[in-house]
Amino acid sequence: MTDCILVFVTASSEKEGEKIAQALVEEKLAACVNVLPAMKSIYRWKGEIASEQEVLLLAKTKDRLFEKLKKRVLELHSYEVPEIIALPVLAGSEAYLGWVGKETL
């Protein structure tokens, strides 16, 4: 097990996703954020089934930064309840994981 995590965040548009990604990397809350465009999400919201185009952000960071990263996403995000889910990184390239450590707070 490593001290790195992968954080999933959905956003309403590529523009919003890029704004969030840019802030997380600039503020060293994530070493890298991938913005994956053109995803369709189907979900239940306030008793109704909704279907929306979204983008998915994949943020690579350290587990101890999750609360700060989550707080910053909530400040920047347009959704009332944005998806912010963290998964542990069990293993990876030592060089890459070292780079994540160097590029974050």
PDB file of N, CA and C in Angstrom:
ATOM      1  N   MET A   1       0.855  -1.187   0.000  1.00  0.00           N
ATOM      2  CA  MET A   1       0.000   0.000   0.000  1.00  0.00           C
ATOM      3  C   MET A   1       0.891   1.237   0.000  1.00  0.00           C
ATOM      4  N   THR A   2       0.424   2.273  -0.681  1.00  0.00           N
ATOM      5  CA  THR A   2       1.163   3.527  -0.747  1.00  0.00           C
ATOM      6  C   THR A   2       0.394   4.609  -0.008  1.00  0.00           C
ATOM      7  N   ASP A   3       0.954   5.807   0.079  1.00  0.00           N
ATOM      8  CA  ASP A   3       0.217   6.931   0.665  1.00  0.00           C
ATOM      9  C   ASP A   3      -0.488   7.741  -0.414  1.00  0.00           C
ATOM     10  N   CYS A   4      -0.526   7.234  -1.645  1.00  0.00           N
ATOM     11  CA  CYS A   4      -1.197   7.920  -2.753  1.00  0.00           C
ATOM     12  C   CYS A   4      -2.642   7.466  -2.871  1.00  0.00           C
ATOM     13  N   ILE A   5      -3.472   8.383  -3.356  1.00  0.00           N
ATOM     14  CA  ILE A   5      -4.868   8.068  -3.640  1.00  0.00           C
ATOM     15  C   ILE A   5      -5.228   8.598  -5.013  1.00  0.00           C
ATOM     16  N   LEU A   6      -6.293   8.053  -5.571  1.00  0.00           N
ATOM     17  CA  LEU A   6      -6.866   8.508  -6.825  1.00  0.00           C
ATOM     18  C   LEU A   6      -8.245   9.047  -6.486  1.00  0.00           C
ATOM     19  N   VAL A   7      -8.486  10.316  -6.795  1.00  0.00           N
ATOM     20  CA  VAL A   7      -9.747  10.957  -6.445  1.00  0.00           C
ATOM     21  C   VAL A   7     -10.556  11.173  -7.718  1.00  0.00           C
ATOM     22  N   PHE A   8     -11.790  10.673  -7.709  1.00  0.00           N
ATOM     23  CA  PHE A   8     -12.726  10.845  -8.812  1.00  0.00           C
ATOM     24  C   PHE A   8     -13.631  12.035  -8.502  1.00  0.00           C
ATOM     25  N   VAL A   9     -13.775  12.935  -9.475  1.00  0.00           N
ATOM     26  CA  VAL A   9     -14.686  14.068  -9.357  1.00  0.00           C
ATOM     27  C   VAL A   9     -15.389  14.209 -10.700  1.00  0.00           C
ATOM     28  N   THR A  10     -16.708  14.312 -10.693  1.00  0.00           N
ATOM     29  CA  THR A  10     -17.408  14.615 -11.940  1.00  0.00           C
ATOM     30  C   THR A  10     -17.694  16.105 -11.972  1.00  0.00           C
ATOM     31  N   ALA A  11     -17.772  16.650 -13.189  1.00  0.00           N
ATOM     32  CA  ALA A  11     -18.055  18.075 -13.375  1.00  0.00           C
ATOM     33  C   ALA A  11     -19.027  18.237 -14.535  1.00  0.00           C
ATOM     34  N   SER A  12     -19.694  19.375 -14.580  1.00  0.00           N
ATOM     35  CA  SER A  12     -20.752  19.614 -15.565  1.00  0.00           C
ATOM     36  C   SER A  12     -20.242  19.845 -16.980  1.00  0.00           C
ATOM     37  N   SER A  13     -18.991  20.285 -17.109  1.00  0.00           N
ATOM     38  CA  SER A  13     -18.460  20.607 -18.436  1.00  0.00           C
ATOM     39  C   SER A  13     -16.935  20.512 -18.421  1.00  0.00           C
ATOM     40  N   GLU A  14     -16.371  20.476 -19.613  1.00  0.00           N
ATOM     41  CA  GLU A  14     -14.913  20.451 -19.709  1.00  0.00           C
ATOM     42  C   GLU A  14     -14.320  21.730 -19.120  1.00  0.00           C
ATOM     43  N   LYS A  15     -15.003  22.856 -19.343  1.00  0.00           N
ATOM     44  CA  LYS A  15     -14.524  24.134 -18.807  1.00  0.00           C
ATOM     45  C   LYS A  15     -14.470  24.098 -17.277  1.00  0.00           C
ATOM     46  N   GLU A  16     -15.530  23.616 -16.649  1.00  0.00           N
ATOM     47  CA  GLU A  16     -15.529  23.530 -15.193  1.00  0.00           C
ATOM     48  C   GLU A  16     -14.474  22.535 -14.710  1.00  0.00           C
ATOM     49  N   GLY A  17     -14.360  21.394 -15.389  1.00  0.00           N
ATOM     50  CA  GLY A  17     -13.369  20.394 -15.025  1.00  0.00           C
ATOM     51  C   GLY A  17     -11.952  20.939 -15.104  1.00  0.00           C
ATOM     52  N   GLU A  18     -11.664  21.680 -16.172  1.00  0.00           N
ATOM     53  CA  GLU A  18     -10.332  22.263 -16.330  1.00  0.00           C
ATOM     54  C   GLU A  18     -10.050  23.312 -15.261  1.00  0.00           C
ATOM     55  N   LYS A  19     -11.069  24.090 -14.888  1.00  0.00           N
ATOM     56  CA  LYS A  19     -10.899  25.095 -13.825  1.00  0.00           C
ATOM     57  C   LYS A  19     -10.539  24.421 -12.506  1.00  0.00           C
ATOM     58  N   ILE A  20     -11.242  23.362 -12.169  1.00  0.00           N
ATOM     59  CA  ILE A  20     -10.979  22.631 -10.929  1.00  0.00           C
ATOM     60  C   ILE A  20      -9.598  21.978 -10.994  1.00  0.00           C
ATOM     61  N   ALA A  21      -9.294  21.313 -12.112  1.00  0.00           N
ATOM     62  CA  ALA A  21      -7.999  20.635 -12.273  1.00  0.00           C
ATOM     63  C   ALA A  21      -6.846  21.621 -12.153  1.00  0.00           C
ATOM     64  N   GLN A  22      -6.955  22.747 -12.815  1.00  0.00           N
ATOM     65  CA  GLN A  22      -5.905  23.769 -12.783  1.00  0.00           C
ATOM     66  C   GLN A  22      -5.646  24.234 -11.350  1.00  0.00           C
ATOM     67  N   ALA A  23      -6.714  24.504 -10.607  1.00  0.00           N
ATOM     68  CA  ALA A  23      -6.562  24.973  -9.228  1.00  0.00           C
ATOM     69  C   ALA A  23      -5.900  23.905  -8.355  1.00  0.00           C
ATOM     70  N   LEU A  24      -6.313  22.655  -8.494  1.00  0.00           N
ATOM     71  CA  LEU A  24      -5.748  21.593  -7.661  1.00  0.00           C
ATOM     72  C   LEU A  24      -4.258  21.404  -7.910  1.00  0.00           C
ATOM     73  N   VAL A  25      -3.850  21.491  -9.184  1.00  0.00           N
ATOM     74  CA  VAL A  25      -2.429  21.324  -9.507  1.00  0.00           C
ATOM     75  C   VAL A  25      -1.639  22.568  -9.094  1.00  0.00           C
ATOM     76  N   GLU A  26      -2.163  23.761  -9.404  1.00  0.00           N
ATOM     77  CA  GLU A  26      -1.460  24.998  -9.025  1.00  0.00           C
ATOM     78  C   GLU A  26      -1.239  25.080  -7.518  1.00  0.00           C
ATOM     79  N   GLU A  27      -2.234  24.629  -6.746  1.00  0.00           N
ATOM     80  CA  GLU A  27      -2.165  24.723  -5.286  1.00  0.00           C
ATOM     81  C   GLU A  27      -1.474  23.509  -4.655  1.00  0.00           C
ATOM     82  N   LYS A  28      -0.933  22.630  -5.505  1.00  0.00           N
ATOM     83  CA  LYS A  28      -0.188  21.439  -5.068  1.00  0.00           C
ATOM     84  C   LYS A  28      -1.030  20.484  -4.228  1.00  0.00           C
ATOM     85  N   LEU A  29      -2.341  20.493  -4.463  1.00  0.00           N
ATOM     86  CA  LEU A  29      -3.232  19.539  -3.814  1.00  0.00           C
ATOM     87  C   LEU A  29      -3.309  18.247  -4.612  1.00  0.00           C
ATOM     88  N   ALA A  30      -2.888  18.299  -5.867  1.00  0.00           N
ATOM     89  CA  ALA A  30      -2.782  17.116  -6.726  1.00  0.00           C
ATOM     90  C   ALA A  30      -1.561  17.290  -7.613  1.00  0.00           C
ATOM     91  N   ALA A  31      -0.893  16.188  -7.910  1.00  0.00           N
ATOM     92  CA  ALA A  31       0.267  16.245  -8.806  1.00  0.00           C
ATOM     93  C   ALA A  31      -0.187  16.303 -10.258  1.00  0.00           C
ATOM     94  N   CYS A  32      -1.315  15.662 -10.543  1.00  0.00           N
ATOM     95  CA  CYS A  32      -1.831  15.569 -11.903  1.00  0.00           C
ATOM     96  C   CYS A  32      -3.331  15.346 -11.821  1.00  0.00           C
ATOM     97  N   VAL A  33      -4.070  15.971 -12.736  1.00  0.00           N
ATOM     98  CA  VAL A  33      -5.505  15.710 -12.854  1.00  0.00           C
ATOM     99  C   VAL A  33      -5.811  15.467 -14.325  1.00  0.00           C
ATOM    100  N   ASN A  34      -6.340  14.294 -14.627  1.00  0.00           N
ATOM    101  CA  ASN A  34      -6.796  14.000 -15.983  1.00  0.00           C
ATOM    102  C   ASN A  34      -8.236  14.467 -16.102  1.00  0.00           C
ATOM    103  N   VAL A  35      -8.568  15.115 -17.214  1.00  0.00           N
ATOM    104  CA  VAL A  35      -9.936  15.542 -17.495  1.00  0.00           C
ATOM    105  C   VAL A  35     -10.424  14.701 -18.666  1.00  0.00           C
ATOM    106  N   LEU A  36     -11.329  13.770 -18.374  1.00  0.00           N
ATOM    107  CA  LEU A  36     -11.846  12.860 -19.389  1.00  0.00           C
ATOM    108  C   LEU A  36     -13.198  13.382 -19.875  1.00  0.00           C
ATOM    109  N   PRO A  37     -13.298  13.771 -21.121  1.00  0.00           N
ATOM    110  CA  PRO A  37     -14.526  14.403 -21.628  1.00  0.00           C
ATOM    111  C   PRO A  37     -15.597  13.398 -22.058  1.00  0.00           C
ATOM    112  N   ALA A  38     -16.774  13.935 -22.314  1.00  0.00           N
ATOM    113  CA  ALA A  38     -17.868  13.225 -22.986  1.00  0.00           C
ATOM    114  C   ALA A  38     -18.306  11.944 -22.290  1.00  0.00           C
ATOM    115  N   MET A  39     -18.628  12.062 -21.033  1.00  0.00           N
ATOM    116  CA  MET A  39     -19.138  10.938 -20.264  1.00  0.00           C
ATOM    117  C   MET A  39     -20.617  11.187 -20.020  1.00  0.00           C
ATOM    118  N   LYS A  40     -21.436  10.179 -20.126  1.00  0.00           N
ATOM    119  CA  LYS A  40     -22.859  10.308 -19.812  1.00  0.00           C
ATOM    120  C   LYS A  40     -23.114   9.674 -18.459  1.00  0.00           C
ATOM    121  N   SER A  41     -23.760  10.416 -17.577  1.00  0.00           N
ATOM    122  CA  SER A  41     -24.115   9.915 -16.251  1.00  0.00           C
ATOM    123  C   SER A  41     -25.627   9.805 -16.142  1.00  0.00           C
ATOM    124  N   ILE A  42     -26.085   8.689 -15.624  1.00  0.00           N
ATOM    125  CA  ILE A  42     -27.505   8.470 -15.362  1.00  0.00           C
ATOM    126  C   ILE A  42     -27.617   8.224 -13.866  1.00  0.00           C
ATOM    127  N   TYR A  43     -28.442   9.024 -13.204  1.00  0.00           N
ATOM    128  CA  TYR A  43     -28.503   8.975 -11.749  1.00  0.00           C
ATOM    129  C   TYR A  43     -29.880   9.420 -11.260  1.00  0.00           C
ATOM    130  N   ARG A  44     -30.156   9.128 -10.010  1.00  0.00           N
ATOM    131  CA  ARG A  44     -31.389   9.586  -9.383  1.00  0.00           C
ATOM    132  C   ARG A  44     -31.068  10.848  -8.589  1.00  0.00           C
ATOM    133  N   TRP A  45     -31.864  11.893  -8.795  1.00  0.00           N
ATOM    134  CA  TRP A  45     -31.656  13.149  -8.068  1.00  0.00           C
ATOM    135  C   TRP A  45     -33.018  13.729  -7.711  1.00  0.00           C
ATOM    136  N   LYS A  46     -33.242  13.914  -6.436  1.00  0.00           N
ATOM    137  CA  LYS A  46     -34.484  14.480  -5.917  1.00  0.00           C
ATOM    138  C   LYS A  46     -35.708  13.738  -6.449  1.00  0.00           C
ATOM    139  N   GLY A  47     -35.618  12.392  -6.437  1.00  0.00           N
ATOM    140  CA  GLY A  47     -36.740  11.551  -6.810  1.00  0.00           C
ATOM    141  C   GLY A  47     -36.938  11.317  -8.298  1.00  0.00           C
ATOM    142  N   GLU A  48     -36.102  11.899  -9.125  1.00  0.00           N
ATOM    143  CA  GLU A  48     -36.220  11.766 -10.580  1.00  0.00           C
ATOM    144  C   GLU A  48     -34.966  11.119 -11.155  1.00  0.00           C
ATOM    145  N   ILE A  49     -35.129  10.410 -12.266  1.00  0.00           N
ATOM    146  CA  ILE A  49     -33.987   9.878 -12.999  1.00  0.00           C
ATOM    147  C   ILE A  49     -33.475  10.969 -13.926  1.00  0.00           C
ATOM    148  N   ALA A  50     -32.192  11.255 -13.850  1.00  0.00           N
ATOM    149  CA  ALA A  50     -31.573  12.295 -14.678  1.00  0.00           C
ATOM    150  C   ALA A  50     -30.510  11.659 -15.566  1.00  0.00           C
ATOM    151  N   SER A  51     -30.266  12.278 -16.698  1.00  0.00           N
ATOM    152  CA  SER A  51     -29.226  11.838 -17.630  1.00  0.00           C
ATOM    153  C   SER A  51     -28.517  13.090 -18.126  1.00  0.00           C
ATOM    154  N   GLU A  52     -27.223  13.184 -17.857  1.00  0.00           N
ATOM    155  CA  GLU A  52     -26.460  14.390 -18.193  1.00  0.00           C
ATOM    156  C   GLU A  52     -25.106  14.042 -18.777  1.00  0.00           C
ATOM    157  N   GLN A  53     -24.608  14.892 -19.654  1.00  0.00           N
ATOM    158  CA  GLN A  53     -23.227  14.815 -20.121  1.00  0.00           C
ATOM    159  C   GLN A  53     -22.356  15.427 -19.031  1.00  0.00           C
ATOM    160  N   GLU A  54     -21.280  14.765 -18.685  1.00  0.00           N
ATOM    161  CA  GLU A  54     -20.351  15.257 -17.678  1.00  0.00           C
ATOM    162  C   GLU A  54     -18.934  14.948 -18.120  1.00  0.00           C
ATOM    163  N   VAL A  55     -17.986  15.470 -17.375  1.00  0.00           N
ATOM    164  CA  VAL A  55     -16.588  15.076 -17.532  1.00  0.00           C
ATOM    165  C   VAL A  55     -16.153  14.438 -16.224  1.00  0.00           C
ATOM    166  N   LEU A  56     -15.137  13.590 -16.305  1.00  0.00           N
ATOM    167  CA  LEU A  56     -14.604  12.920 -15.125  1.00  0.00           C
ATOM    168  C   LEU A  56     -13.185  13.400 -14.879  1.00  0.00           C
ATOM    169  N   LEU A  57     -12.911  13.806 -13.663  1.00  0.00           N
ATOM    170  CA  LEU A  57     -11.568  14.198 -13.258  1.00  0.00           C
ATOM    171  C   LEU A  57     -10.960  13.058 -12.457  1.00  0.00           C
ATOM    172  N   LEU A  58      -9.700  12.746 -12.753  1.00  0.00           N
ATOM    173  CA  LEU A  58      -8.935  11.757 -12.004  1.00  0.00           C
ATOM    174  C   LEU A  58      -7.732  12.478 -11.416  1.00  0.00           C
ATOM    175  N   ALA A  59      -7.774  12.728 -10.127  1.00  0.00           N
ATOM    176  CA  ALA A  59      -6.714  13.477  -9.448  1.00  0.00           C
ATOM    177  C   ALA A  59      -5.804  12.530  -8.686  1.00  0.00           C
ATOM    178  N   LYS A  60      -4.492  12.654  -8.927  1.00  0.00           N
ATOM    179  CA  LYS A  60      -3.507  11.848  -8.215  1.00  0.00           C
ATOM    180  C   LYS A  60      -2.884  12.695  -7.115  1.00  0.00           C
ATOM    181  N   THR A  61      -2.995  12.212  -5.877  1.00  0.00           N
ATOM    182  CA  THR A  61      -2.532  12.977  -4.733  1.00  0.00           C
ATOM    183  C   THR A  61      -2.159  12.041  -3.591  1.00  0.00           C
ATOM    184  N   LYS A  62      -1.920  12.616  -2.411  1.00  0.00           N
ATOM    185  CA  LYS A  62      -1.600  11.843  -1.208  1.00  0.00           C
ATOM    186  C   LYS A  62      -2.825  11.799  -0.303  1.00  0.00           C
ATOM    187  N   ASP A  63      -2.974  10.701   0.424  1.00  0.00           N
ATOM    188  CA  ASP A  63      -4.161  10.546   1.260  1.00  0.00           C
ATOM    189  C   ASP A  63      -4.298  11.653   2.301  1.00  0.00           C
ATOM    190  N   ARG A  64      -3.205  12.162   2.817  1.00  0.00           N
ATOM    191  CA  ARG A  64      -3.296  13.211   3.847  1.00  0.00           C
ATOM    192  C   ARG A  64      -3.793  14.548   3.293  1.00  0.00           C
ATOM    193  N   LEU A  65      -3.833  14.689   1.950  1.00  0.00           N
ATOM    194  CA  LEU A  65      -4.326  15.922   1.328  1.00  0.00           C
ATOM    195  C   LEU A  65      -5.799  15.843   0.946  1.00  0.00           C
ATOM    196  N   PHE A  66      -6.435  14.697   1.177  1.00  0.00           N
ATOM    197  CA  PHE A  66      -7.809  14.526   0.710  1.00  0.00           C
ATOM    198  C   PHE A  66      -8.758  15.588   1.253  1.00  0.00           C
ATOM    199  N   GLU A  67      -8.732  15.871   2.532  1.00  0.00           N
ATOM    200  CA  GLU A  67      -9.681  16.845   3.100  1.00  0.00           C
ATOM    201  C   GLU A  67      -9.493  18.235   2.494  1.00  0.00           C
ATOM    202  N   LYS A  68      -8.247  18.655   2.295  1.00  0.00           N
ATOM    203  CA  LYS A  68      -7.985  19.962   1.673  1.00  0.00           C
ATOM    204  C   LYS A  68      -8.448  19.963   0.221  1.00  0.00           C
ATOM    205  N   LEU A  69      -8.163  18.880  -0.496  1.00  0.00           N
ATOM    206  CA  LEU A  69      -8.594  18.768  -1.890  1.00  0.00           C
ATOM    207  C   LEU A  69     -10.122  18.801  -1.969  1.00  0.00           C
ATOM    208  N   LYS A  70     -10.780  18.034  -1.117  1.00  0.00           N
ATOM    209  CA  LYS A  70     -12.250  18.005  -1.099  1.00  0.00           C
ATOM    210  C   LYS A  70     -12.823  19.393  -0.831  1.00  0.00           C
ATOM    211  N   LYS A  71     -12.264  20.085   0.142  1.00  0.00           N
ATOM    212  CA  LYS A  71     -12.732  21.434   0.475  1.00  0.00           C
ATOM    213  C   LYS A  71     -12.595  22.363  -0.724  1.00  0.00           C
ATOM    214  N   ARG A  72     -11.473  22.281  -1.417  1.00  0.00           N
ATOM    215  CA  ARG A  72     -11.238  23.159  -2.576  1.00  0.00           C
ATOM    216  C   ARG A  72     -12.194  22.826  -3.720  1.00  0.00           C
ATOM    217  N   VAL A  73     -12.426  21.538  -3.966  1.00  0.00           N
ATOM    218  CA  VAL A  73     -13.387  21.147  -5.014  1.00  0.00           C
ATOM    219  C   VAL A  73     -14.764  21.704  -4.674  1.00  0.00           C
ATOM    220  N   LEU A  74     -15.189  21.578  -3.427  1.00  0.00           N
ATOM    221  CA  LEU A  74     -16.499  22.097  -3.025  1.00  0.00           C
ATOM    222  C   LEU A  74     -16.604  23.602  -3.222  1.00  0.00           C
ATOM    223  N   GLU A  75     -15.507  24.325  -3.023  1.00  0.00           N
ATOM    224  CA  GLU A  75     -15.509  25.780  -3.229  1.00  0.00           C
ATOM    225  C   GLU A  75     -15.666  26.142  -4.700  1.00  0.00           C
ATOM    226  N   LEU A  76     -15.094  25.335  -5.583  1.00  0.00           N
ATOM    227  CA  LEU A  76     -15.060  25.652  -7.017  1.00  0.00           C
ATOM    228  C   LEU A  76     -16.211  25.048  -7.818  1.00  0.00           C
ATOM    229  N   HIS A  77     -16.872  24.065  -7.280  1.00  0.00           N
ATOM    230  CA  HIS A  77     -17.824  23.251  -8.034  1.00  0.00           C
ATOM    231  C   HIS A  77     -19.202  23.892  -8.113  1.00  0.00           C
ATOM    232  N   SER A  78     -19.891  23.683  -9.235  1.00  0.00           N
ATOM    233  CA  SER A  78     -21.230  24.230  -9.422  1.00  0.00           C
ATOM    234  C   SER A  78     -22.328  23.327  -8.863  1.00  0.00           C
ATOM    235  N   TYR A  79     -22.030  22.062  -8.605  1.00  0.00           N
ATOM    236  CA  TYR A  79     -23.056  21.128  -8.134  1.00  0.00           C
ATOM    237  C   TYR A  79     -23.364  21.325  -6.656  1.00  0.00           C
ATOM    238  N   GLU A  80     -24.596  21.050  -6.296  1.00  0.00           N
ATOM    239  CA  GLU A  80     -25.008  21.061  -4.899  1.00  0.00           C
ATOM    240  C   GLU A  80     -24.315  19.923  -4.134  1.00  0.00           C
ATOM    241  N   VAL A  81     -24.212  18.758  -4.774  1.00  0.00           N
ATOM    242  CA  VAL A  81     -23.573  17.588  -4.172  1.00  0.00           C
ATOM    243  C   VAL A  81     -22.651  16.944  -5.213  1.00  0.00           C
ATOM    244  N   PRO A  82     -21.432  17.459  -5.363  1.00  0.00           N
ATOM    245  CA  PRO A  82     -20.526  16.873  -6.353  1.00  0.00           C
ATOM    246  C   PRO A  82     -19.981  15.519  -5.900  1.00  0.00           C
ATOM    247  N   GLU A  83     -19.693  14.672  -6.884  1.00  0.00           N
ATOM    248  CA  GLU A  83     -19.026  13.410  -6.590  1.00  0.00           C
ATOM    249  C   GLU A  83     -17.566  13.700  -6.263  1.00  0.00           C
ATOM    250  N   ILE A  84     -17.140  13.263  -5.098  1.00  0.00           N
ATOM    251  CA  ILE A  84     -15.727  13.351  -4.694  1.00  0.00           C
ATOM    252  C   ILE A  84     -15.437  12.040  -3.963  1.00  0.00           C
ATOM    253  N   ILE A  85     -14.800  11.115  -4.657  1.00  0.00           N
ATOM    254  CA  ILE A  85     -14.562   9.776  -4.121  1.00  0.00           C
ATOM    255  C   ILE A  85     -13.075   9.464  -4.226  1.00  0.00           C
ATOM    256  N   ALA A  86     -12.493   8.984  -3.152  1.00  0.00           N
ATOM    257  CA  ALA A  86     -11.071   8.637  -3.150  1.00  0.00           C
ATOM    258  C   ALA A  86     -10.896   7.128  -3.035  1.00  0.00           C
ATOM    259  N   LEU A  87      -9.968   6.611  -3.828  1.00  0.00           N
ATOM    260  CA  LEU A  87      -9.594   5.198  -3.775  1.00  0.00           C
ATOM    261  C   LEU A  87      -8.107   5.097  -3.468  1.00  0.00           C
ATOM    262  N   PRO A  88      -7.710   4.119  -2.652  1.00  0.00           N
ATOM    263  CA  PRO A  88      -6.288   3.964  -2.362  1.00  0.00           C
ATOM    264  C   PRO A  88      -5.538   3.424  -3.579  1.00  0.00           C
ATOM    265  N   VAL A  89      -4.293   3.832  -3.707  1.00  0.00           N
ATOM    266  CA  VAL A  89      -3.398   3.266  -4.715  1.00  0.00           C
ATOM    267  C   VAL A  89      -2.609   2.183  -4.000  1.00  0.00           C
ATOM    268  N   LEU A  90      -2.868   0.949  -4.359  1.00  0.00           N
ATOM    269  CA  LEU A  90      -2.229  -0.175  -3.678  1.00  0.00           C
ATOM    270  C   LEU A  90      -0.776  -0.343  -4.080  1.00  0.00           C
ATOM    271  N   ALA A  91      -0.479  -0.056  -5.354  1.00  0.00           N
ATOM    272  CA  ALA A  91       0.889  -0.207  -5.855  1.00  0.00           C
ATOM    273  C   ALA A  91       1.011   0.623  -7.126  1.00  0.00           C
ATOM    274  N   GLY A  92       2.249   0.854  -7.531  1.00  0.00           N
ATOM    275  CA  GLY A  92       2.498   1.607  -8.752  1.00  0.00           C
ATOM    276  C   GLY A  92       3.979   1.737  -8.995  1.00  0.00           C
ATOM    277  N   SER A  93       4.292   2.366 -10.095  1.00  0.00           N
ATOM    278  CA  SER A  93       5.681   2.638 -10.421  1.00  0.00           C
ATOM    279  C   SER A  93       6.293   3.488  -9.311  1.00  0.00           C
ATOM    280  N   GLU A  94       7.409   3.042  -8.770  1.00  0.00           N
ATOM    281  CA  GLU A  94       8.063   3.799  -7.696  1.00  0.00           C
ATOM    282  C   GLU A  94       8.429   5.200  -8.156  1.00  0.00           C
ATOM    283  N   ALA A  95       8.885   5.333  -9.388  1.00  0.00           N
ATOM    284  CA  ALA A  95       9.251   6.650  -9.916  1.00  0.00           C
ATOM    285  C   ALA A  95       8.029   7.562  -9.986  1.00  0.00           C
ATOM    286  N   TYR A  96       6.904   7.025 -10.467  1.00  0.00           N
ATOM    287  CA  TYR A  96       5.686   7.839 -10.584  1.00  0.00           C
ATOM    288  C   TYR A  96       5.160   8.231  -9.210  1.00  0.00           C
ATOM    289  N   LEU A  97       5.093   7.286  -8.298  1.00  0.00           N
ATOM    290  CA  LEU A  97       4.598   7.586  -6.956  1.00  0.00           C
ATOM    291  C   LEU A  97       5.513   8.574  -6.240  1.00  0.00           C
ATOM    292  N   GLY A  98       6.810   8.481  -6.484  1.00  0.00           N
ATOM    293  CA  GLY A  98       7.745   9.459  -5.930  1.00  0.00           C
ATOM    294  C   GLY A  98       7.501  10.843  -6.493  1.00  0.00           C
ATOM    295  N   TRP A  99       7.195  10.896  -7.791  1.00  0.00           N
ATOM    296  CA  TRP A  99       6.891  12.177  -8.438  1.00  0.00           C
ATOM    297  C   TRP A  99       5.632  12.796  -7.836  1.00  0.00           C
ATOM    298  N   VAL A 100       4.592  11.978  -7.609  1.00  0.00           N
ATOM    299  CA  VAL A 100       3.369  12.478  -6.975  1.00  0.00           C
ATOM    300  C   VAL A 100       3.712  13.096  -5.619  1.00  0.00           C
ATOM    301  N   GLY A 101       4.544  12.414  -4.865  1.00  0.00           N
ATOM    302  CA  GLY A 101       4.946  12.931  -3.553  1.00  0.00           C
ATOM    303  C   GLY A 101       5.687  14.258  -3.633  1.00  0.00           C
ATOM    304  N   LYS A 102       6.536  14.408  -4.636  1.00  0.00           N
ATOM    305  CA  LYS A 102       7.326  15.639  -4.788  1.00  0.00           C
ATOM    306  C   LYS A 102       6.491  16.809  -5.285  1.00  0.00           C
ATOM    307  N   GLU A 103       5.439  16.541  -6.039  1.00  0.00           N
ATOM    308  CA  GLU A 103       4.650  17.608  -6.665  1.00  0.00           C
ATOM    309  C   GLU A 103       3.442  18.047  -5.845  1.00  0.00           C
ATOM    310  N   THR A 104       3.260  17.450  -4.667  1.00  0.00           N
ATOM    311  CA  THR A 104       2.156  17.827  -3.808  1.00  0.00           C
ATOM    312  C   THR A 104       2.706  18.345  -2.484  1.00  0.00           C
ATOM    313  N   LEU A 105       1.815  18.998  -1.732  1.00  0.00           N
ATOM    314  CA  LEU A 105       2.225  19.558  -0.430  1.00  0.00           C
ATOM    315  C   LEU A 105       2.728  18.504   0.521  1.00  0.00           C
TER     316      LEU A 105
END
